[in-house]
Amino acid sequence: MYFTNNDKIYKLSGRQYSEVTLAEIIEVNPDSNTTISKYTQDNVSICNLRKCYMDLVNKILNSNFIGRCFSNNIDKNLIFKRDILWMALNSIKYLVEFC
């Protein structure tokens, strides 16, 4: 069993313990009946996608979209890009949360 005390790492074997290095801990197989477990974390950043999405929303709002929402003059390309980004953002959030 491994444990820490302040900034030092120790290995307990039977009733004796000895100081070990971090390098030794890293080399330990977590399946070898120890108290060591390895943890990894993936980080996903969607900041750029959010900025692109908000830029498209602002372009749509600034193009008098609200006043023309029932006309045929809507910039369908902006709407399509906005919708694709919205789907991408929601898909990424879903995958991060549930997968």
PDB file of N, CA and C in Angstrom:
ATOM      1  N   MET A   1       0.859  -1.169   0.000  1.00  0.00           N
ATOM      2  CA  MET A   1       0.000   0.000   0.000  1.00  0.00           C
ATOM      3  C   MET A   1       0.902   1.228   0.000  1.00  0.00           C
ATOM      4  N   TYR A   2       0.489   2.249  -0.738  1.00  0.00           N
ATOM      5  CA  TYR A   2       1.221   3.510  -0.809  1.00  0.00           C
ATOM      6  C   TYR A   2       0.436   4.587  -0.080  1.00  0.00           C
ATOM      7  N   PHE A   3       1.161   5.503   0.548  1.00  0.00           N
ATOM      8  CA  PHE A   3       0.500   6.614   1.217  1.00  0.00           C
ATOM      9  C   PHE A   3       1.442   7.816   1.212  1.00  0.00           C
ATOM     10  N   THR A   4       0.865   8.972   1.491  1.00  0.00           N
ATOM     11  CA  THR A   4       1.670  10.182   1.553  1.00  0.00           C
ATOM     12  C   THR A   4       1.629  10.757   2.953  1.00  0.00           C
ATOM     13  N   ASN A   5       2.693  11.459   3.289  1.00  0.00           N
ATOM     14  CA  ASN A   5       2.767  12.199   4.534  1.00  0.00           C
ATOM     15  C   ASN A   5       3.487  13.497   4.201  1.00  0.00           C
ATOM     16  N   ASN A   6       2.765  14.587   4.271  1.00  0.00           N
ATOM     17  CA  ASN A   6       3.260  15.881   3.819  1.00  0.00           C
ATOM     18  C   ASN A   6       3.619  15.779   2.341  1.00  0.00           C
ATOM     19  N   ASP A   7       4.875  15.996   1.983  1.00  0.00           N
ATOM     20  CA  ASP A   7       5.240  15.961   0.565  1.00  0.00           C
ATOM     21  C   ASP A   7       6.030  14.703   0.196  1.00  0.00           C
ATOM     22  N   LYS A   8       6.016  13.705   1.036  1.00  0.00           N
ATOM     23  CA  LYS A   8       6.757  12.466   0.769  1.00  0.00           C
ATOM     24  C   LYS A   8       5.786  11.306   0.542  1.00  0.00           C
ATOM     25  N   ILE A   9       6.228  10.354  -0.286  1.00  0.00           N
ATOM     26  CA  ILE A   9       5.423   9.170  -0.606  1.00  0.00           C
ATOM     27  C   ILE A   9       6.093   7.952   0.014  1.00  0.00           C
ATOM     28  N   TYR A  10       5.279   7.091   0.630  1.00  0.00           N
ATOM     29  CA  TYR A  10       5.809   5.907   1.302  1.00  0.00           C
ATOM     30  C   TYR A  10       5.100   4.657   0.790  1.00  0.00           C
ATOM     31  N   LYS A  11       5.826   3.538   0.896  1.00  0.00           N
ATOM     32  CA  LYS A  11       5.279   2.226   0.552  1.00  0.00           C
ATOM     33  C   LYS A  11       5.232   1.406   1.839  1.00  0.00           C
ATOM     34  N   LEU A  12       4.063   0.882   2.144  1.00  0.00           N
ATOM     35  CA  LEU A  12       3.895   0.057   3.334  1.00  0.00           C
ATOM     36  C   LEU A  12       3.874  -1.392   2.896  1.00  0.00           C
ATOM     37  N   SER A  13       4.776  -2.167   3.437  1.00  0.00           N
ATOM     38  CA  SER A  13       4.849  -3.593   3.131  1.00  0.00           C
ATOM     39  C   SER A  13       4.909  -4.334   4.455  1.00  0.00           C
ATOM     40  N   GLY A  14       3.852  -5.048   4.766  1.00  0.00           N
ATOM     41  CA  GLY A  14       3.759  -5.674   6.093  1.00  0.00           C
ATOM     42  C   GLY A  14       3.621  -4.583   7.129  1.00  0.00           C
ATOM     43  N   ARG A  15       4.572  -4.528   8.060  1.00  0.00           N
ATOM     44  CA  ARG A  15       4.555  -3.477   9.083  1.00  0.00           C
ATOM     45  C   ARG A  15       5.656  -2.459   8.864  1.00  0.00           C
ATOM     46  N   GLN A  16       6.397  -2.599   7.782  1.00  0.00           N
ATOM     47  CA  GLN A  16       7.496  -1.679   7.509  1.00  0.00           C
ATOM     48  C   GLN A  16       7.126  -0.766   6.349  1.00  0.00           C
ATOM     49  N   TYR A  17       7.598   0.456   6.431  1.00  0.00           N
ATOM     50  CA  TYR A  17       7.374   1.382   5.327  1.00  0.00           C
ATOM     51  C   TYR A  17       8.693   2.004   4.915  1.00  0.00           C
ATOM     52  N   SER A  18       8.734   2.372   3.667  1.00  0.00           N
ATOM     53  CA  SER A  18       9.943   3.007   3.134  1.00  0.00           C
ATOM     54  C   SER A  18       9.525   4.102   2.160  1.00  0.00           C
ATOM     55  N   GLU A  19      10.367   5.116   2.075  1.00  0.00           N
ATOM     56  CA  GLU A  19      10.080   6.227   1.174  1.00  0.00           C
ATOM     57  C   GLU A  19      10.338   5.791  -0.268  1.00  0.00           C
ATOM     58  N   VAL A  20       9.457   6.217  -1.183  1.00  0.00           N
ATOM     59  CA  VAL A  20       9.612   5.902  -2.599  1.00  0.00           C
ATOM     60  C   VAL A  20       9.560   7.197  -3.405  1.00  0.00           C
ATOM     61  N   THR A  21      10.017   7.094  -4.636  1.00  0.00           N
ATOM     62  CA  THR A  21      10.005   8.264  -5.514  1.00  0.00           C
ATOM     63  C   THR A  21       8.736   8.259  -6.363  1.00  0.00           C
ATOM     64  N   LEU A  22       8.452   9.396  -6.929  1.00  0.00           N
ATOM     65  CA  LEU A  22       7.299   9.503  -7.819  1.00  0.00           C
ATOM     66  C   LEU A  22       7.497   8.637  -9.062  1.00  0.00           C
ATOM     67  N   ALA A  23       8.732   8.541  -9.523  1.00  0.00           N
ATOM     68  CA  ALA A  23       9.033   7.705 -10.694  1.00  0.00           C
ATOM     69  C   ALA A  23       8.635   6.249 -10.434  1.00  0.00           C
ATOM     70  N   GLU A  24       8.888   5.754  -9.231  1.00  0.00           N
ATOM     71  CA  GLU A  24       8.499   4.376  -8.895  1.00  0.00           C
ATOM     72  C   GLU A  24       6.983   4.216  -8.901  1.00  0.00           C
ATOM     73  N   ILE A  25       6.272   5.207  -8.418  1.00  0.00           N
ATOM     74  CA  ILE A  25       4.803   5.161  -8.387  1.00  0.00           C
ATOM     75  C   ILE A  25       4.254   5.104  -9.802  1.00  0.00           C
ATOM     76  N   ILE A  26       4.831   5.902 -10.690  1.00  0.00           N
ATOM     77  CA  ILE A  26       4.346   5.958 -12.068  1.00  0.00           C
ATOM     78  C   ILE A  26       4.495   4.616 -12.763  1.00  0.00           C
ATOM     79  N   GLU A  27       5.533   3.882 -12.423  1.00  0.00           N
ATOM     80  CA  GLU A  27       5.805   2.600 -13.075  1.00  0.00           C
ATOM     81  C   GLU A  27       4.961   1.446 -12.537  1.00  0.00           C
ATOM     82  N   VAL A  28       4.253   1.657 -11.442  1.00  0.00           N
ATOM     83  CA  VAL A  28       3.471   0.577 -10.830  1.00  0.00           C
ATOM     84  C   VAL A  28       2.270   0.252 -11.695  1.00  0.00           C
ATOM     85  N   ASN A  29       2.033  -1.028 -11.907  1.00  0.00           N
ATOM     86  CA  ASN A  29       0.851  -1.492 -12.637  1.00  0.00           C
ATOM     87  C   ASN A  29      -0.352  -1.387 -11.701  1.00  0.00           C
ATOM     88  N   PRO A  30      -1.390  -0.634 -12.055  1.00  0.00           N
ATOM     89  CA  PRO A  30      -2.525  -0.461 -11.142  1.00  0.00           C
ATOM     90  C   PRO A  30      -3.314  -1.752 -10.905  1.00  0.00           C
ATOM     91  N   ASP A  31      -3.067  -2.794 -11.705  1.00  0.00           N
ATOM     92  CA  ASP A  31      -3.765  -4.066 -11.512  1.00  0.00           C
ATOM     93  C   ASP A  31      -2.999  -5.021 -10.608  1.00  0.00           C
ATOM     94  N   SER A  32      -1.896  -4.580 -10.007  1.00  0.00           N
ATOM     95  CA  SER A  32      -1.050  -5.485  -9.227  1.00  0.00           C
ATOM     96  C   SER A  32      -1.356  -5.438  -7.735  1.00  0.00           C
ATOM     97  N   ASN A  33      -2.630  -5.411  -7.368  1.00  0.00           N
ATOM     98  CA  ASN A  33      -3.069  -5.435  -5.970  1.00  0.00           C
ATOM     99  C   ASN A  33      -2.441  -4.326  -5.131  1.00  0.00           C
ATOM    100  N   THR A  34      -2.465  -3.114  -5.635  1.00  0.00           N
ATOM    101  CA  THR A  34      -1.985  -1.957  -4.881  1.00  0.00           C
ATOM    102  C   THR A  34      -3.147  -0.998  -4.675  1.00  0.00           C
ATOM    103  N   THR A  35      -2.883   0.042  -3.944  1.00  0.00           N
ATOM    104  CA  THR A  35      -3.903   1.076  -3.735  1.00  0.00           C
ATOM    105  C   THR A  35      -3.797   2.165  -4.788  1.00  0.00           C
ATOM    106  N   ILE A  36      -2.996   1.919  -5.833  1.00  0.00           N
ATOM    107  CA  ILE A  36      -2.800   2.911  -6.879  1.00  0.00           C
ATOM    108  C   ILE A  36      -3.857   2.732  -7.954  1.00  0.00           C
ATOM    109  N   SER A  37      -4.427   3.834  -8.346  1.00  0.00           N
ATOM    110  CA  SER A  37      -5.320   3.828  -9.497  1.00  0.00           C
ATOM    111  C   SER A  37      -4.917   5.008 -10.376  1.00  0.00           C
ATOM    112  N   LYS A  38      -5.057   4.821 -11.665  1.00  0.00           N
ATOM    113  CA  LYS A  38      -4.692   5.884 -12.591  1.00  0.00           C
ATOM    114  C   LYS A  38      -5.960   6.571 -13.070  1.00  0.00           C
ATOM    115  N   TYR A  39      -5.856   7.876 -13.240  1.00  0.00           N
ATOM    116  CA  TYR A  39      -7.006   8.676 -13.638  1.00  0.00           C
ATOM    117  C   TYR A  39      -6.596   9.536 -14.821  1.00  0.00           C
ATOM    118  N   THR A  40      -7.435   9.546 -15.823  1.00  0.00           N
ATOM    119  CA  THR A  40      -7.203  10.435 -16.950  1.00  0.00           C
ATOM    120  C   THR A  40      -8.424  11.317 -17.129  1.00  0.00           C
ATOM    121  N   GLN A  41      -8.199  12.460 -17.711  1.00  0.00           N
ATOM    122  CA  GLN A  41      -9.298  13.394 -17.937  1.00  0.00           C
ATOM    123  C   GLN A  41      -9.126  14.024 -19.306  1.00  0.00           C
ATOM    124  N   ASP A  42     -10.202  14.034 -20.067  1.00  0.00           N
ATOM    125  CA  ASP A  42     -10.205  14.705 -21.359  1.00  0.00           C
ATOM    126  C   ASP A  42     -10.951  16.013 -21.205  1.00  0.00           C
ATOM    127  N   ASN A  43     -10.360  17.056 -21.706  1.00  0.00           N
ATOM    128  CA  ASN A  43     -11.002  18.366 -21.656  1.00  0.00           C
ATOM    129  C   ASN A  43     -11.469  18.746 -23.053  1.00  0.00           C
ATOM    130  N   VAL A  44     -12.674  19.250 -23.096  1.00  0.00           N
ATOM    131  CA  VAL A  44     -13.246  19.680 -24.368  1.00  0.00           C
ATOM    132  C   VAL A  44     -13.563  21.164 -24.254  1.00  0.00           C
ATOM    133  N   SER A  45     -13.036  21.941 -25.172  1.00  0.00           N
ATOM    134  CA  SER A  45     -13.303  23.373 -25.177  1.00  0.00           C
ATOM    135  C   SER A  45     -14.214  23.695 -26.355  1.00  0.00           C
ATOM    136  N   ILE A  46     -15.309  24.358 -26.049  1.00  0.00           N
ATOM    137  CA  ILE A  46     -16.246  24.742 -27.104  1.00  0.00           C
ATOM    138  C   ILE A  46     -16.333  26.263 -27.227  1.00  0.00           C
ATOM    139  N   CYS A  47     -15.334  26.949 -26.684  1.00  0.00           N
ATOM    140  CA  CYS A  47     -15.347  28.419 -26.709  1.00  0.00           C
ATOM    141  C   CYS A  47     -15.405  28.963 -28.128  1.00  0.00           C
ATOM    142  N   ASN A  48     -14.576  28.422 -29.024  1.00  0.00           N
ATOM    143  CA  ASN A  48     -14.563  28.934 -30.394  1.00  0.00           C
ATOM    144  C   ASN A  48     -15.887  28.671 -31.098  1.00  0.00           C
ATOM    145  N   LEU A  49     -16.467  27.492 -30.872  1.00  0.00           N
ATOM    146  CA  LEU A  49     -17.765  27.200 -31.479  1.00  0.00           C
ATOM    147  C   LEU A  49     -18.841  28.146 -30.945  1.00  0.00           C
ATOM    148  N   ARG A  50     -18.800  28.415 -29.646  1.00  0.00           N
ATOM    149  CA  ARG A  50     -19.774  29.353 -29.067  1.00  0.00           C
ATOM    150  C   ARG A  50     -19.617  30.749 -29.665  1.00  0.00           C
ATOM    151  N   LYS A  51     -18.368  31.183 -29.835  1.00  0.00           N
ATOM    152  CA  LYS A  51     -18.138  32.507 -30.419  1.00  0.00           C
ATOM    153  C   LYS A  51     -18.660  32.557 -31.854  1.00  0.00           C
ATOM    154  N   CYS A  52     -18.377  31.507 -32.637  1.00  0.00           N
ATOM    155  CA  CYS A  52     -18.894  31.464 -34.014  1.00  0.00           C
ATOM    156  C   CYS A  52     -20.420  31.509 -34.008  1.00  0.00           C
ATOM    157  N   TYR A  53     -21.019  30.741 -33.118  1.00  0.00           N
ATOM    158  CA  TYR A  53     -22.477  30.710 -33.026  1.00  0.00           C
ATOM    159  C   TYR A  53     -23.022  32.097 -32.712  1.00  0.00           C
ATOM    160  N   MET A  54     -22.446  32.762 -31.716  1.00  0.00           N
ATOM    161  CA  MET A  54     -22.934  34.085 -31.333  1.00  0.00           C
ATOM    162  C   MET A  54     -22.684  35.105 -32.446  1.00  0.00           C
ATOM    163  N   ASP A  55     -21.583  34.977 -33.173  1.00  0.00           N
ATOM    164  CA  ASP A  55     -21.341  35.871 -34.314  1.00  0.00           C
ATOM    165  C   ASP A  55     -22.430  35.711 -35.365  1.00  0.00           C
ATOM    166  N   LEU A  56     -22.813  34.474 -35.644  1.00  0.00           N
ATOM    167  CA  LEU A  56     -23.878  34.234 -36.627  1.00  0.00           C
ATOM    168  C   LEU A  56     -25.214  34.778 -36.131  1.00  0.00           C
ATOM    169  N   VAL A  57     -25.504  34.557 -34.863  1.00  0.00           N
ATOM    170  CA  VAL A  57     -26.749  35.074 -34.294  1.00  0.00           C
ATOM    171  C   VAL A  57     -26.779  36.602 -34.409  1.00  0.00           C
ATOM    172  N   ASN A  58     -25.663  37.245 -34.094  1.00  0.00           N
ATOM    173  CA  ASN A  58     -25.604  38.708 -34.194  1.00  0.00           C
ATOM    174  C   ASN A  58     -25.778  39.180 -35.633  1.00  0.00           C
ATOM    175  N   LYS A  59     -25.177  38.481 -36.594  1.00  0.00           N
ATOM    176  CA  LYS A  59     -25.342  38.850 -37.996  1.00  0.00           C
ATOM    177  C   LYS A  59     -26.810  38.738 -38.410  1.00  0.00           C
ATOM    178  N   ILE A  60     -27.448  37.678 -37.948  1.00  0.00           N
ATOM    179  CA  ILE A  60     -28.863  37.484 -38.281  1.00  0.00           C
ATOM    180  C   ILE A  60     -29.708  38.597 -37.665  1.00  0.00           C
ATOM    181  N   LEU A  61     -29.456  38.902 -36.403  1.00  0.00           N
ATOM    182  CA  LEU A  61     -30.228  39.951 -35.739  1.00  0.00           C
ATOM    183  C   LEU A  61     -29.943  41.326 -36.328  1.00  0.00           C
ATOM    184  N   ASN A  62     -28.710  41.565 -36.721  1.00  0.00           N
ATOM    185  CA  ASN A  62     -28.345  42.864 -37.295  1.00  0.00           C
ATOM    186  C   ASN A  62     -28.808  43.026 -38.737  1.00  0.00           C
ATOM    187  N   SER A  63     -29.267  41.970 -39.350  1.00  0.00           N
ATOM    188  CA  SER A  63     -29.724  42.080 -40.739  1.00  0.00           C
ATOM    189  C   SER A  63     -31.238  42.273 -40.810  1.00  0.00           C
ATOM    190  N   ASN A  64     -31.816  42.787 -39.738  1.00  0.00           N
ATOM    191  CA  ASN A  64     -33.261  43.026 -39.669  1.00  0.00           C
ATOM    192  C   ASN A  64     -34.065  41.751 -39.881  1.00  0.00           C
ATOM    193  N   PHE A  65     -33.512  40.659 -39.424  1.00  0.00           N
ATOM    194  CA  PHE A  65     -34.190  39.374 -39.563  1.00  0.00           C
ATOM    195  C   PHE A  65     -35.547  39.380 -38.860  1.00  0.00           C
ATOM    196  N   ILE A  66     -35.616  40.010 -37.702  1.00  0.00           N
ATOM    197  CA  ILE A  66     -36.848  39.967 -36.909  1.00  0.00           C
ATOM    198  C   ILE A  66     -38.003  40.604 -37.669  1.00  0.00           C
ATOM    199  N   GLY A  67     -37.742  41.712 -38.317  1.00  0.00           N
ATOM    200  CA  GLY A  67     -38.808  42.372 -39.065  1.00  0.00           C
ATOM    201  C   GLY A  67     -39.182  41.622 -40.335  1.00  0.00           C
ATOM    202  N   ARG A  68     -38.288  40.787 -40.832  1.00  0.00           N
ATOM    203  CA  ARG A  68     -38.532  40.091 -42.091  1.00  0.00           C
ATOM    204  C   ARG A  68     -38.744  38.587 -41.880  1.00  0.00           C
ATOM    205  N   CYS A  69     -39.065  38.161 -40.699  1.00  0.00           N
ATOM    206  CA  CYS A  69     -39.059  36.726 -40.401  1.00  0.00           C
ATOM    207  C   CYS A  69     -40.092  35.942 -41.199  1.00  0.00           C
ATOM    208  N   PHE A  70     -41.081  36.601 -41.737  1.00  0.00           N
ATOM    209  CA  PHE A  70     -42.079  35.869 -42.520  1.00  0.00           C
ATOM    210  C   PHE A  70     -41.947  36.126 -44.017  1.00  0.00           C
ATOM    211  N   SER A  71     -40.837  36.766 -44.405  1.00  0.00           N
ATOM    212  CA  SER A  71     -40.644  37.038 -45.826  1.00  0.00           C
ATOM    213  C   SER A  71     -39.687  36.021 -46.434  1.00  0.00           C
ATOM    214  N   ASN A  72     -39.531  36.079 -47.736  1.00  0.00           N
ATOM    215  CA  ASN A  72     -38.619  35.178 -48.422  1.00  0.00           C
ATOM    216  C   ASN A  72     -37.210  35.749 -48.519  1.00  0.00           C
ATOM    217  N   ASN A  73     -36.953  36.888 -47.893  1.00  0.00           N
ATOM    218  CA  ASN A  73     -35.653  37.549 -47.977  1.00  0.00           C
ATOM    219  C   ASN A  73     -34.687  37.120 -46.877  1.00  0.00           C
ATOM    220  N   ILE A  74     -35.014  36.078 -46.152  1.00  0.00           N
ATOM    221  CA  ILE A  74     -34.163  35.620 -45.060  1.00  0.00           C
ATOM    222  C   ILE A  74     -32.885  35.019 -45.644  1.00  0.00           C
ATOM    223  N   ASP A  75     -31.737  35.365 -45.051  1.00  0.00           N
ATOM    224  CA  ASP A  75     -30.461  34.804 -45.498  1.00  0.00           C
ATOM    225  C   ASP A  75     -30.390  33.353 -45.015  1.00  0.00           C
ATOM    226  N   LYS A  76     -30.801  32.447 -45.859  1.00  0.00           N
ATOM    227  CA  LYS A  76     -30.890  31.040 -45.494  1.00  0.00           C
ATOM    228  C   LYS A  76     -29.520  30.432 -45.180  1.00  0.00           C
ATOM    229  N   ASN A  77     -28.461  30.959 -45.777  1.00  0.00           N
ATOM    230  CA  ASN A  77     -27.120  30.462 -45.517  1.00  0.00           C
ATOM    231  C   ASN A  77     -26.702  30.741 -44.066  1.00  0.00           C
ATOM    232  N   LEU A  78     -26.988  31.944 -43.561  1.00  0.00           N
ATOM    233  CA  LEU A  78     -26.685  32.267 -42.165  1.00  0.00           C
ATOM    234  C   LEU A  78     -27.499  31.393 -41.216  1.00  0.00           C
ATOM    235  N   ILE A  79     -28.770  31.220 -41.533  1.00  0.00           N
ATOM    236  CA  ILE A  79     -29.637  30.378 -40.692  1.00  0.00           C
ATOM    237  C   ILE A  79     -29.102  28.950 -40.667  1.00  0.00           C
ATOM    238  N   PHE A  80     -28.712  28.424 -41.814  1.00  0.00           N
ATOM    239  CA  PHE A  80     -28.184  27.060 -41.901  1.00  0.00           C
ATOM    240  C   PHE A  80     -26.908  26.921 -41.073  1.00  0.00           C
ATOM    241  N   LYS A  81     -25.980  27.867 -41.228  1.00  0.00           N
ATOM    242  CA  LYS A  81     -24.730  27.812 -40.458  1.00  0.00           C
ATOM    243  C   LYS A  81     -24.999  27.883 -38.959  1.00  0.00           C
ATOM    244  N   ARG A  82     -25.920  28.763 -38.580  1.00  0.00           N
ATOM    245  CA  ARG A  82     -26.266  28.887 -37.164  1.00  0.00           C
ATOM    246  C   ARG A  82     -26.823  27.575 -36.629  1.00  0.00           C
ATOM    247  N   ASP A  83     -27.731  26.952 -37.396  1.00  0.00           N
ATOM    248  CA  ASP A  83     -28.340  25.698 -36.960  1.00  0.00           C
ATOM    249  C   ASP A  83     -27.316  24.567 -36.849  1.00  0.00           C
ATOM    250  N   ILE A  84     -26.370  24.518 -37.805  1.00  0.00           N
ATOM    251  CA  ILE A  84     -25.323  23.493 -37.755  1.00  0.00           C
ATOM    252  C   ILE A  84     -24.465  23.671 -36.505  1.00  0.00           C
ATOM    253  N   LEU A  85     -24.077  24.910 -36.208  1.00  0.00           N
ATOM    254  CA  LEU A  85     -23.281  25.153 -35.002  1.00  0.00           C
ATOM    255  C   LEU A  85     -24.057  24.811 -33.741  1.00  0.00           C
ATOM    256  N   TRP A  86     -25.340  25.134 -33.707  1.00  0.00           N
ATOM    257  CA  TRP A  86     -26.175  24.815 -32.545  1.00  0.00           C
ATOM    258  C   TRP A  86     -26.228  23.300 -32.348  1.00  0.00           C
ATOM    259  N   MET A  87     -26.397  22.552 -33.435  1.00  0.00           N
ATOM    260  CA  MET A  87     -26.410  21.088 -33.324  1.00  0.00           C
ATOM    261  C   MET A  87     -25.059  20.560 -32.864  1.00  0.00           C
ATOM    262  N   ALA A  88     -23.974  21.131 -33.387  1.00  0.00           N
ATOM    263  CA  ALA A  88     -22.630  20.692 -32.990  1.00  0.00           C
ATOM    264  C   ALA A  88     -22.399  20.948 -31.504  1.00  0.00           C
ATOM    265  N   LEU A  89     -22.747  22.139 -31.037  1.00  0.00           N
ATOM    266  CA  LEU A  89     -22.575  22.460 -29.617  1.00  0.00           C
ATOM    267  C   LEU A  89     -23.367  21.510 -28.730  1.00  0.00           C
ATOM    268  N   ASN A  90     -24.611  21.267 -29.079  1.00  0.00           N
ATOM    269  CA  ASN A  90     -25.440  20.370 -28.263  1.00  0.00           C
ATOM    270  C   ASN A  90     -24.943  18.931 -28.332  1.00  0.00           C
ATOM    271  N   SER A  91     -24.464  18.501 -29.482  1.00  0.00           N
ATOM    272  CA  SER A  91     -23.920  17.144 -29.600  1.00  0.00           C
ATOM    273  C   SER A  91     -22.680  16.976 -28.734  1.00  0.00           C
ATOM    274  N   ILE A  92     -21.784  17.959 -28.782  1.00  0.00           N
ATOM    275  CA  ILE A  92     -20.571  17.880 -27.966  1.00  0.00           C
ATOM    276  C   ILE A  92     -20.920  17.870 -26.484  1.00  0.00           C
ATOM    277  N   LYS A  93     -21.825  18.749 -26.064  1.00  0.00           N
ATOM    278  CA  LYS A  93     -22.234  18.770 -24.661  1.00  0.00           C
ATOM    279  C   LYS A  93     -22.839  17.435 -24.236  1.00  0.00           C
ATOM    280  N   TYR A  94     -23.658  16.852 -25.101  1.00  0.00           N
ATOM    281  CA  TYR A  94     -24.269  15.567 -24.795  1.00  0.00           C
ATOM    282  C   TYR A  94     -23.193  14.481 -24.661  1.00  0.00           C
ATOM    283  N   LEU A  95     -22.269  14.423 -25.612  1.00  0.00           N
ATOM    284  CA  LEU A  95     -21.224  13.405 -25.565  1.00  0.00           C
ATOM    285  C   LEU A  95     -20.327  13.549 -24.339  1.00  0.00           C
ATOM    286  N   VAL A  96     -20.002  14.778 -23.983  1.00  0.00           N
ATOM    287  CA  VAL A  96     -19.168  15.005 -22.793  1.00  0.00           C
ATOM    288  C   VAL A  96     -19.906  14.556 -21.542  1.00  0.00           C
ATOM    289  N   GLU A  97     -21.180  14.870 -21.456  1.00  0.00           N
ATOM    290  CA  GLU A  97     -21.942  14.559 -20.242  1.00  0.00           C
ATOM    291  C   GLU A  97     -22.268  13.074 -20.117  1.00  0.00           C
ATOM    292  N   PHE A  98     -22.612  12.406 -21.214  1.00  0.00           N
ATOM    293  CA  PHE A  98     -23.111  11.039 -21.117  1.00  0.00           C
ATOM    294  C   PHE A  98     -22.152   9.974 -21.634  1.00  0.00           C
ATOM    295  N   CYS A  99     -21.072  10.367 -22.259  1.00  0.00           N
ATOM    296  CA  CYS A  99     -20.140   9.351 -22.773  1.00  0.00           C
ATOM    297  C   CYS A  99     -18.796   9.492 -22.123  1.00  0.00           C
TER     298      CYS A  99
END
